[in-house]
Amino acid sequence: KLFRGLSKNEELESGWITLSSRLLMDTPTPENAPETDFSDGGALSTVIDRPIGLTGQDWKLILIAASRGGHWKVCVGTLPFIRPYVKETHPKYARESLNLSDRRSSSRPSLERLSRKYNRIARALTAAVLCFESRSQYAWAIRAIDDWIEWSGRRPRKEAVTS
């Protein structure tokens, strides 16, 4: 990070050498370079007592806000991040049996629970498609609908398709 007017022949004094500075100098990365673990939120995670990251609801709200603002590129960029939350509502992940004894022992959610989860997140597709169509991005609208069907295993809401 700190170059302080050094020429190519001089050694860097500071212990703060970034990967980008090593790439600029054509020197190999040292074997003992610290690796960053992004799975843990670090100190802030321990302060607020919950993991840091966005939930499916957060991504849905970002899509709705981007749609209202007419930012279709944000909608395109956000759809891949909502994908895992949509995929987990796929009916193939539902519990198959309706016996009371299986309900307690099975770790798979019921189809009703998955449907409720899907209904909470489905507004995201409607918002994205409305934004794409208002900005004449028809190919993105079709792609979003096709991906949504593939991810969720369900037909999208009528509002999303008829808009």
N, C-alpha and C. Protein backbone atom coordinates (compact mmCIF):
# COMPACT_ATOMS: atom_id res chain seq x y z
N LYS A 1 0.82 -1.20 0.00
CA LYS A 1 0.00 0.00 0.00
C LYS A 1 0.86 1.26 0.00
N LEU A 2 1.96 1.21 0.70
CA LEU A 2 2.79 2.40 0.84
C LEU A 2 4.01 2.29 -0.05
N PHE A 3 4.12 3.19 -1.02
CA PHE A 3 5.26 3.18 -1.91
C PHE A 3 6.24 4.30 -1.56
N ARG A 4 5.78 5.45 -1.13
CA ARG A 4 6.57 6.60 -0.69
C ARG A 4 7.71 6.94 -1.64
N GLY A 5 7.43 6.99 -2.93
CA GLY A 5 8.41 7.42 -3.92
C GLY A 5 9.57 6.47 -4.13
N LEU A 6 9.37 5.19 -3.97
CA LEU A 6 10.45 4.23 -4.15
C LEU A 6 10.65 3.91 -5.62
N SER A 7 11.89 3.68 -5.98
CA SER A 7 12.15 3.24 -7.35
C SER A 7 12.10 1.72 -7.39
N LYS A 8 12.27 1.14 -8.58
CA LYS A 8 12.17 -0.31 -8.74
C LYS A 8 13.29 -1.05 -8.01
N ASN A 9 14.45 -0.44 -7.86
CA ASN A 9 15.60 -1.13 -7.26
C ASN A 9 15.58 -1.11 -5.74
N GLU A 10 14.82 -0.21 -5.15
CA GLU A 10 14.79 -0.09 -3.70
C GLU A 10 13.87 -1.13 -3.08
N GLU A 11 14.18 -1.49 -1.86
CA GLU A 11 13.34 -2.43 -1.12
C GLU A 11 12.24 -1.65 -0.41
N LEU A 12 11.11 -2.31 -0.24
CA LEU A 12 10.01 -1.69 0.50
C LEU A 12 10.28 -1.81 1.99
N GLU A 13 10.12 -0.70 2.71
CA GLU A 13 10.39 -0.67 4.14
C GLU A 13 9.23 -1.24 4.93
N SER A 14 8.04 -1.00 4.49
CA SER A 14 6.86 -1.35 5.25
C SER A 14 6.52 -2.83 5.14
N GLY A 15 5.89 -3.34 6.19
CA GLY A 15 5.42 -4.71 6.16
C GLY A 15 4.09 -4.83 5.44
N TRP A 16 3.50 -3.72 5.06
CA TRP A 16 2.21 -3.70 4.39
C TRP A 16 2.41 -3.77 2.89
N ILE A 17 2.45 -4.97 2.38
CA ILE A 17 2.59 -5.17 0.94
C ILE A 17 1.34 -5.89 0.47
N THR A 18 0.62 -5.28 -0.42
CA THR A 18 -0.61 -5.88 -0.92
C THR A 18 -0.31 -6.77 -2.11
N LEU A 19 -1.26 -7.62 -2.43
CA LEU A 19 -1.11 -8.49 -3.58
C LEU A 19 -0.99 -7.67 -4.85
N SER A 20 -1.78 -6.58 -4.93
CA SER A 20 -1.71 -5.75 -6.14
C SER A 20 -0.34 -5.12 -6.31
N SER A 21 0.31 -4.72 -5.20
CA SER A 21 1.64 -4.14 -5.33
C SER A 21 2.65 -5.20 -5.77
N ARG A 22 2.47 -6.43 -5.33
CA ARG A 22 3.36 -7.51 -5.77
C ARG A 22 3.17 -7.80 -7.26
N LEU A 23 1.94 -7.70 -7.73
CA LEU A 23 1.69 -7.93 -9.15
C LEU A 23 2.35 -6.85 -9.99
N LEU A 24 2.33 -5.61 -9.49
CA LEU A 24 2.97 -4.52 -10.21
C LEU A 24 4.48 -4.68 -10.26
N MET A 25 5.07 -5.29 -9.23
CA MET A 25 6.52 -5.42 -9.16
C MET A 25 7.00 -6.72 -9.79
N ASP A 26 6.11 -7.58 -10.27
CA ASP A 26 6.48 -8.87 -10.86
C ASP A 26 7.27 -9.74 -9.89
N THR A 27 6.92 -9.68 -8.61
CA THR A 27 7.56 -10.55 -7.63
C THR A 27 6.55 -11.59 -7.18
N PRO A 28 6.99 -12.78 -6.86
CA PRO A 28 6.05 -13.82 -6.45
C PRO A 28 5.46 -13.55 -5.06
N THR A 29 4.29 -14.06 -4.84
CA THR A 29 3.65 -13.94 -3.53
C THR A 29 4.37 -14.87 -2.57
N PRO A 30 4.71 -14.40 -1.36
CA PRO A 30 5.43 -15.25 -0.43
C PRO A 30 4.57 -16.42 0.04
N GLU A 31 5.24 -17.50 0.45
CA GLU A 31 4.55 -18.70 0.90
C GLU A 31 3.75 -18.45 2.17
N ASN A 32 4.20 -17.56 3.03
CA ASN A 32 3.54 -17.32 4.31
C ASN A 32 2.57 -16.14 4.27
N ALA A 33 2.04 -15.83 3.10
CA ALA A 33 1.08 -14.72 2.99
C ALA A 33 -0.20 -15.08 3.73
N PRO A 34 -0.73 -14.17 4.54
CA PRO A 34 -1.96 -14.48 5.28
C PRO A 34 -3.14 -14.63 4.33
N GLU A 35 -3.95 -15.65 4.59
CA GLU A 35 -5.15 -15.86 3.79
C GLU A 35 -6.33 -15.24 4.50
N THR A 36 -7.19 -14.59 3.76
CA THR A 36 -8.36 -13.97 4.33
C THR A 36 -9.51 -14.95 4.31
N ASP A 37 -10.14 -15.13 5.44
CA ASP A 37 -11.29 -16.02 5.54
C ASP A 37 -12.55 -15.17 5.56
N PHE A 38 -13.33 -15.26 4.50
CA PHE A 38 -14.53 -14.44 4.40
C PHE A 38 -15.75 -15.12 5.00
N SER A 39 -15.60 -16.33 5.52
CA SER A 39 -16.75 -17.03 6.08
C SER A 39 -17.15 -16.44 7.42
N ASP A 40 -16.23 -15.78 8.10
CA ASP A 40 -16.52 -15.20 9.40
C ASP A 40 -16.62 -13.69 9.25
N GLY A 41 -17.58 -13.09 9.90
CA GLY A 41 -17.77 -11.66 9.82
C GLY A 41 -16.77 -10.87 10.62
N GLY A 42 -15.98 -11.53 11.46
CA GLY A 42 -14.96 -10.85 12.24
C GLY A 42 -15.52 -10.22 13.49
N ALA A 43 -14.89 -9.11 13.89
CA ALA A 43 -15.23 -8.47 15.16
C ALA A 43 -16.66 -7.94 15.17
N LEU A 44 -17.12 -7.40 14.07
CA LEU A 44 -18.47 -6.85 14.03
C LEU A 44 -19.51 -7.94 14.22
N SER A 45 -19.23 -9.13 13.72
CA SER A 45 -20.14 -10.26 13.88
C SER A 45 -20.34 -10.60 15.35
N THR A 46 -19.28 -10.52 16.15
CA THR A 46 -19.40 -10.84 17.57
C THR A 46 -20.10 -9.72 18.33
N VAL A 47 -20.01 -8.50 17.85
CA VAL A 47 -20.66 -7.38 18.52
C VAL A 47 -22.18 -7.45 18.37
N ILE A 48 -22.66 -7.76 17.17
CA ILE A 48 -24.11 -7.76 16.95
C ILE A 48 -24.73 -9.13 17.15
N ASP A 49 -23.92 -10.14 17.49
CA ASP A 49 -24.39 -11.50 17.79
C ASP A 49 -25.20 -12.14 16.68
N ARG A 50 -24.85 -11.90 15.45
CA ARG A 50 -25.47 -12.58 14.31
C ARG A 50 -24.53 -12.50 13.13
N PRO A 51 -24.61 -13.45 12.22
CA PRO A 51 -23.71 -13.42 11.08
C PRO A 51 -24.01 -12.23 10.17
N ILE A 52 -22.96 -11.75 9.55
CA ILE A 52 -23.11 -10.62 8.64
C ILE A 52 -23.32 -11.16 7.24
N GLY A 53 -24.27 -10.60 6.54
CA GLY A 53 -24.56 -11.03 5.19
C GLY A 53 -26.01 -10.70 4.88
N LEU A 54 -26.38 -10.79 3.64
CA LEU A 54 -27.73 -10.48 3.23
C LEU A 54 -28.57 -11.74 3.13
N THR A 55 -29.80 -11.63 3.55
CA THR A 55 -30.74 -12.74 3.46
C THR A 55 -31.52 -12.63 2.15
N GLY A 56 -32.35 -13.63 1.89
CA GLY A 56 -33.20 -13.59 0.70
C GLY A 56 -34.13 -12.39 0.72
N GLN A 57 -34.62 -12.06 1.91
CA GLN A 57 -35.51 -10.90 2.06
C GLN A 57 -34.76 -9.61 1.72
N ASP A 58 -33.50 -9.51 2.14
CA ASP A 58 -32.70 -8.33 1.83
C ASP A 58 -32.49 -8.17 0.32
N TRP A 59 -32.18 -9.29 -0.35
CA TRP A 59 -31.99 -9.23 -1.80
C TRP A 59 -33.29 -8.87 -2.50
N LYS A 60 -34.41 -9.38 -1.98
CA LYS A 60 -35.71 -9.03 -2.56
C LYS A 60 -35.95 -7.53 -2.44
N LEU A 61 -35.65 -6.96 -1.29
CA LEU A 61 -35.86 -5.53 -1.10
C LEU A 61 -34.94 -4.70 -1.97
N ILE A 62 -33.73 -5.18 -2.20
CA ILE A 62 -32.82 -4.48 -3.12
C ILE A 62 -33.40 -4.49 -4.53
N LEU A 63 -33.93 -5.63 -4.96
CA LEU A 63 -34.54 -5.71 -6.29
C LEU A 63 -35.74 -4.77 -6.40
N ILE A 64 -36.57 -4.71 -5.37
CA ILE A 64 -37.74 -3.84 -5.41
C ILE A 64 -37.30 -2.38 -5.46
N ALA A 65 -36.32 -2.01 -4.66
CA ALA A 65 -35.83 -0.62 -4.66
C ALA A 65 -35.21 -0.26 -6.01
N ALA A 66 -34.43 -1.18 -6.58
CA ALA A 66 -33.83 -0.93 -7.89
C ALA A 66 -34.90 -0.81 -8.96
N SER A 67 -35.93 -1.61 -8.85
CA SER A 67 -37.02 -1.56 -9.82
C SER A 67 -37.75 -0.21 -9.75
N ARG A 68 -38.03 0.22 -8.55
CA ARG A 68 -38.73 1.51 -8.39
C ARG A 68 -37.89 2.67 -8.89
N GLY A 69 -36.57 2.55 -8.77
CA GLY A 69 -35.68 3.59 -9.26
C GLY A 69 -35.36 3.46 -10.74
N GLY A 70 -35.80 2.38 -11.36
CA GLY A 70 -35.55 2.17 -12.78
C GLY A 70 -34.14 1.72 -13.10
N HIS A 71 -33.45 1.17 -12.12
CA HIS A 71 -32.07 0.73 -12.31
C HIS A 71 -32.03 -0.74 -12.75
N TRP A 72 -32.24 -0.95 -14.04
CA TRP A 72 -32.34 -2.31 -14.54
C TRP A 72 -31.03 -3.07 -14.43
N LYS A 73 -29.89 -2.38 -14.49
CA LYS A 73 -28.60 -3.06 -14.37
C LYS A 73 -28.40 -3.60 -12.95
N VAL A 74 -28.92 -2.90 -11.96
CA VAL A 74 -28.85 -3.41 -10.58
C VAL A 74 -29.72 -4.66 -10.47
N CYS A 75 -30.86 -4.64 -11.12
CA CYS A 75 -31.73 -5.83 -11.11
C CYS A 75 -31.03 -7.03 -11.74
N VAL A 76 -30.36 -6.81 -12.87
CA VAL A 76 -29.63 -7.90 -13.53
C VAL A 76 -28.53 -8.41 -12.62
N GLY A 77 -27.84 -7.51 -11.97
CA GLY A 77 -26.74 -7.90 -11.09
C GLY A 77 -27.18 -8.56 -9.80
N THR A 78 -28.40 -8.28 -9.37
CA THR A 78 -28.88 -8.81 -8.09
C THR A 78 -29.52 -10.19 -8.25
N LEU A 79 -30.06 -10.50 -9.39
CA LEU A 79 -30.73 -11.79 -9.58
C LEU A 79 -29.85 -13.00 -9.23
N PRO A 80 -28.56 -13.03 -9.59
CA PRO A 80 -27.76 -14.19 -9.20
C PRO A 80 -27.61 -14.36 -7.68
N PHE A 81 -27.71 -13.26 -6.94
CA PHE A 81 -27.57 -13.35 -5.50
C PHE A 81 -28.83 -13.87 -4.82
N ILE A 82 -29.96 -13.71 -5.47
CA ILE A 82 -31.21 -14.22 -4.89
C ILE A 82 -31.44 -15.68 -5.28
N ARG A 83 -30.67 -16.15 -6.24
CA ARG A 83 -30.84 -17.51 -6.76
C ARG A 83 -30.84 -18.59 -5.69
N PRO A 84 -29.87 -18.65 -4.76
CA PRO A 84 -29.89 -19.74 -3.78
C PRO A 84 -31.14 -19.74 -2.89
N TYR A 85 -31.68 -18.57 -2.63
CA TYR A 85 -32.88 -18.47 -1.78
C TYR A 85 -34.12 -18.94 -2.54
N VAL A 86 -34.12 -18.73 -3.85
CA VAL A 86 -35.23 -19.21 -4.68
C VAL A 86 -35.11 -20.73 -4.86
N LYS A 87 -33.88 -21.20 -5.07
CA LYS A 87 -33.67 -22.64 -5.28
C LYS A 87 -34.07 -23.46 -4.06
N GLU A 88 -33.90 -22.91 -2.89
CA GLU A 88 -34.25 -23.69 -1.69
C GLU A 88 -35.75 -23.81 -1.49
N THR A 89 -36.54 -23.10 -2.28
CA THR A 89 -38.00 -23.24 -2.21
C THR A 89 -38.53 -24.24 -3.23
N HIS A 90 -37.64 -24.86 -3.98
CA HIS A 90 -38.05 -25.82 -5.02
C HIS A 90 -38.81 -26.98 -4.37
N PRO A 91 -39.92 -27.40 -4.97
CA PRO A 91 -40.72 -28.49 -4.38
C PRO A 91 -39.96 -29.82 -4.22
N LYS A 92 -38.91 -30.03 -4.97
CA LYS A 92 -38.16 -31.29 -4.84
C LYS A 92 -37.48 -31.41 -3.48
N TYR A 93 -37.35 -30.30 -2.76
CA TYR A 93 -36.75 -30.33 -1.43
C TYR A 93 -37.78 -30.53 -0.32
N ALA A 94 -39.03 -30.69 -0.69
CA ALA A 94 -40.10 -30.85 0.30
C ALA A 94 -40.12 -32.27 0.85
N ARG A 95 -40.64 -32.39 2.03
CA ARG A 95 -40.83 -33.69 2.66
C ARG A 95 -41.89 -34.44 1.87
N GLU A 96 -41.66 -35.71 1.60
CA GLU A 96 -42.57 -36.48 0.75
C GLU A 96 -43.73 -37.10 1.50
N SER A 97 -43.53 -37.46 2.74
CA SER A 97 -44.55 -38.17 3.49
C SER A 97 -45.33 -37.22 4.38
N LEU A 98 -46.59 -37.53 4.61
CA LEU A 98 -47.44 -36.71 5.46
C LEU A 98 -47.72 -37.37 6.81
N ASN A 99 -47.04 -38.48 7.13
CA ASN A 99 -47.24 -39.15 8.41
C ASN A 99 -46.74 -38.28 9.56
N LEU A 100 -47.45 -38.33 10.67
CA LEU A 100 -47.06 -37.53 11.82
C LEU A 100 -45.71 -37.97 12.38
N SER A 101 -45.41 -39.25 12.33
CA SER A 101 -44.14 -39.74 12.87
C SER A 101 -42.96 -39.23 12.03
N ASP A 102 -43.17 -39.07 10.72
CA ASP A 102 -42.09 -38.59 9.86
C ASP A 102 -41.86 -37.09 9.99
N ARG A 103 -42.86 -36.34 10.42
CA ARG A 103 -42.72 -34.89 10.53
C ARG A 103 -41.65 -34.51 11.54
N ARG A 104 -41.59 -35.24 12.63
CA ARG A 104 -40.64 -34.89 13.68
C ARG A 104 -39.22 -35.34 13.33
N SER A 105 -39.11 -36.47 12.65
CA SER A 105 -37.78 -37.02 12.38
C SER A 105 -37.15 -36.46 11.11
N SER A 106 -37.94 -35.98 10.19
CA SER A 106 -37.40 -35.51 8.91
C SER A 106 -36.82 -34.10 9.05
N SER A 107 -35.70 -33.90 8.39
CA SER A 107 -35.09 -32.57 8.40
C SER A 107 -35.55 -31.74 7.21
N ARG A 108 -36.29 -32.34 6.32
CA ARG A 108 -36.78 -31.63 5.14
C ARG A 108 -38.06 -30.87 5.48
N PRO A 109 -38.21 -29.65 4.96
CA PRO A 109 -39.42 -28.87 5.26
C PRO A 109 -40.63 -29.38 4.48
N SER A 110 -41.79 -29.03 4.95
CA SER A 110 -43.02 -29.43 4.26
C SER A 110 -43.22 -28.56 3.02
N LEU A 111 -44.05 -29.04 2.12
CA LEU A 111 -44.35 -28.28 0.91
C LEU A 111 -45.06 -26.97 1.25
N GLU A 112 -45.88 -26.98 2.28
CA GLU A 112 -46.56 -25.75 2.71
C GLU A 112 -45.56 -24.69 3.16
N ARG A 113 -44.58 -25.13 3.92
CA ARG A 113 -43.56 -24.19 4.40
C ARG A 113 -42.75 -23.62 3.24
N LEU A 114 -42.39 -24.47 2.29
CA LEU A 114 -41.65 -24.01 1.12
C LEU A 114 -42.50 -23.05 0.29
N SER A 115 -43.79 -23.31 0.20
CA SER A 115 -44.68 -22.42 -0.56
C SER A 115 -44.78 -21.05 0.11
N ARG A 116 -44.85 -21.03 1.44
CA ARG A 116 -44.89 -19.74 2.14
C ARG A 116 -43.60 -18.96 1.92
N LYS A 117 -42.47 -19.68 1.97
CA LYS A 117 -41.18 -19.04 1.72
C LYS A 117 -41.11 -18.50 0.29
N TYR A 118 -41.61 -19.30 -0.65
CA TYR A 118 -41.61 -18.88 -2.05
C TYR A 118 -42.48 -17.64 -2.24
N ASN A 119 -43.65 -17.62 -1.61
CA ASN A 119 -44.55 -16.47 -1.76
C ASN A 119 -43.93 -15.19 -1.19
N ARG A 120 -43.10 -15.31 -0.17
CA ARG A 120 -42.44 -14.13 0.40
C ARG A 120 -41.38 -13.57 -0.55
N ILE A 121 -40.73 -14.44 -1.31
CA ILE A 121 -39.63 -13.99 -2.16
C ILE A 121 -40.06 -13.74 -3.60
N ALA A 122 -41.24 -14.20 -4.00
CA ALA A 122 -41.69 -14.13 -5.40
C ALA A 122 -41.89 -12.70 -5.90
N ARG A 123 -42.11 -11.76 -5.01
CA ARG A 123 -42.29 -10.37 -5.42
C ARG A 123 -41.03 -9.81 -6.09
N ALA A 124 -39.89 -10.41 -5.80
CA ALA A 124 -38.63 -9.96 -6.39
C ALA A 124 -38.64 -10.10 -7.90
N LEU A 125 -39.16 -11.21 -8.39
CA LEU A 125 -39.21 -11.42 -9.84
C LEU A 125 -40.14 -10.40 -10.49
N THR A 126 -41.29 -10.17 -9.87
CA THR A 126 -42.24 -9.20 -10.42
C THR A 126 -41.58 -7.83 -10.54
N ALA A 127 -40.87 -7.42 -9.49
CA ALA A 127 -40.21 -6.12 -9.51
C ALA A 127 -39.16 -6.06 -10.61
N ALA A 128 -38.36 -7.11 -10.74
CA ALA A 128 -37.30 -7.11 -11.75
C ALA A 128 -37.88 -7.07 -13.16
N VAL A 129 -38.90 -7.88 -13.42
CA VAL A 129 -39.49 -7.92 -14.76
C VAL A 129 -40.15 -6.59 -15.10
N LEU A 130 -40.83 -5.99 -14.16
CA LEU A 130 -41.44 -4.67 -14.40
C LEU A 130 -40.37 -3.64 -14.75
N CYS A 131 -39.25 -3.69 -14.05
CA CYS A 131 -38.16 -2.76 -14.34
C CYS A 131 -37.59 -3.01 -15.73
N PHE A 132 -37.35 -4.27 -16.07
CA PHE A 132 -36.80 -4.60 -17.38
C PHE A 132 -37.72 -4.12 -18.49
N GLU A 133 -39.00 -4.33 -18.32
CA GLU A 133 -39.93 -3.95 -19.37
C GLU A 133 -40.11 -2.44 -19.46
N SER A 134 -40.05 -1.74 -18.34
CA SER A 134 -40.19 -0.28 -18.40
C SER A 134 -38.97 0.37 -19.05
N ARG A 135 -37.84 -0.32 -19.00
CA ARG A 135 -36.60 0.19 -19.62
C ARG A 135 -36.30 -0.49 -20.95
N SER A 136 -37.31 -1.16 -21.53
CA SER A 136 -37.20 -1.84 -22.84
C SER A 136 -36.09 -2.89 -22.87
N GLN A 137 -35.91 -3.58 -21.78
CA GLN A 137 -34.94 -4.67 -21.70
C GLN A 137 -35.70 -5.99 -21.73
N TYR A 138 -36.35 -6.26 -22.86
CA TYR A 138 -37.24 -7.40 -22.97
C TYR A 138 -36.51 -8.74 -22.90
N ALA A 139 -35.31 -8.80 -23.45
CA ALA A 139 -34.54 -10.05 -23.39
C ALA A 139 -34.19 -10.40 -21.94
N TRP A 140 -33.85 -9.38 -21.15
CA TRP A 140 -33.56 -9.64 -19.74
C TRP A 140 -34.81 -10.09 -18.99
N ALA A 141 -35.95 -9.55 -19.36
CA ALA A 141 -37.21 -9.97 -18.72
C ALA A 141 -37.48 -11.44 -19.00
N ILE A 142 -37.31 -11.85 -20.24
CA ILE A 142 -37.54 -13.25 -20.60
C ILE A 142 -36.52 -14.15 -19.90
N ARG A 143 -35.28 -13.72 -19.89
CA ARG A 143 -34.23 -14.51 -19.22
C ARG A 143 -34.52 -14.65 -17.74
N ALA A 144 -34.96 -13.58 -17.09
CA ALA A 144 -35.26 -13.63 -15.66
C ALA A 144 -36.41 -14.60 -15.38
N ILE A 145 -37.42 -14.57 -16.22
CA ILE A 145 -38.56 -15.48 -16.03
C ILE A 145 -38.12 -16.93 -16.24
N ASP A 146 -37.34 -17.19 -17.28
CA ASP A 146 -36.86 -18.55 -17.53
C ASP A 146 -35.99 -19.06 -16.39
N ASP A 147 -35.08 -18.22 -15.91
CA ASP A 147 -34.22 -18.62 -14.79
C ASP A 147 -35.05 -18.87 -13.53
N TRP A 148 -36.03 -18.02 -13.29
CA TRP A 148 -36.88 -18.16 -12.11
C TRP A 148 -37.61 -19.51 -12.13
N ILE A 149 -38.13 -19.87 -13.30
CA ILE A 149 -38.83 -21.15 -13.43
C ILE A 149 -37.86 -22.30 -13.15
N GLU A 150 -36.66 -22.20 -13.68
CA GLU A 150 -35.66 -23.24 -13.46
C GLU A 150 -35.27 -23.33 -11.99
N TRP A 151 -35.05 -22.19 -11.35
CA TRP A 151 -34.60 -22.18 -9.95
C TRP A 151 -35.69 -22.65 -9.00
N SER A 152 -36.91 -22.18 -9.21
CA SER A 152 -37.97 -22.44 -8.23
C SER A 152 -38.78 -23.70 -8.53
N GLY A 153 -38.76 -24.14 -9.77
CA GLY A 153 -39.56 -25.29 -10.14
C GLY A 153 -41.05 -24.97 -10.16
N ARG A 154 -41.39 -23.72 -10.25
CA ARG A 154 -42.79 -23.28 -10.23
C ARG A 154 -43.03 -22.24 -11.31
N ARG A 155 -44.28 -22.06 -11.63
CA ARG A 155 -44.64 -20.97 -12.54
C ARG A 155 -44.53 -19.66 -11.78
N PRO A 156 -44.05 -18.62 -12.43
CA PRO A 156 -43.99 -17.33 -11.74
C PRO A 156 -45.38 -16.73 -11.56
N ARG A 157 -45.47 -15.74 -10.73
CA ARG A 157 -46.73 -15.05 -10.49
C ARG A 157 -47.24 -14.44 -11.79
N LYS A 158 -48.55 -14.31 -11.87
CA LYS A 158 -49.16 -13.73 -13.07
C LYS A 158 -48.72 -12.29 -13.28
N GLU A 159 -48.54 -11.55 -12.18
CA GLU A 159 -48.13 -10.14 -12.31
C GLU A 159 -46.78 -10.01 -12.99
N ALA A 160 -45.89 -10.99 -12.77
CA ALA A 160 -44.56 -10.93 -13.36
C ALA A 160 -44.60 -11.22 -14.85
N VAL A 161 -45.47 -12.15 -15.24
CA VAL A 161 -45.50 -12.59 -16.64
C VAL A 161 -46.35 -11.65 -17.50
N THR A 162 -47.44 -11.16 -16.98
CA THR A 162 -48.35 -10.35 -17.77
C THR A 162 -47.96 -8.88 -17.85
N SER A 163 -46.95 -8.48 -17.12
CA SER A 163 -46.59 -7.07 -17.11
C SER A 163 -45.95 -6.60 -18.36
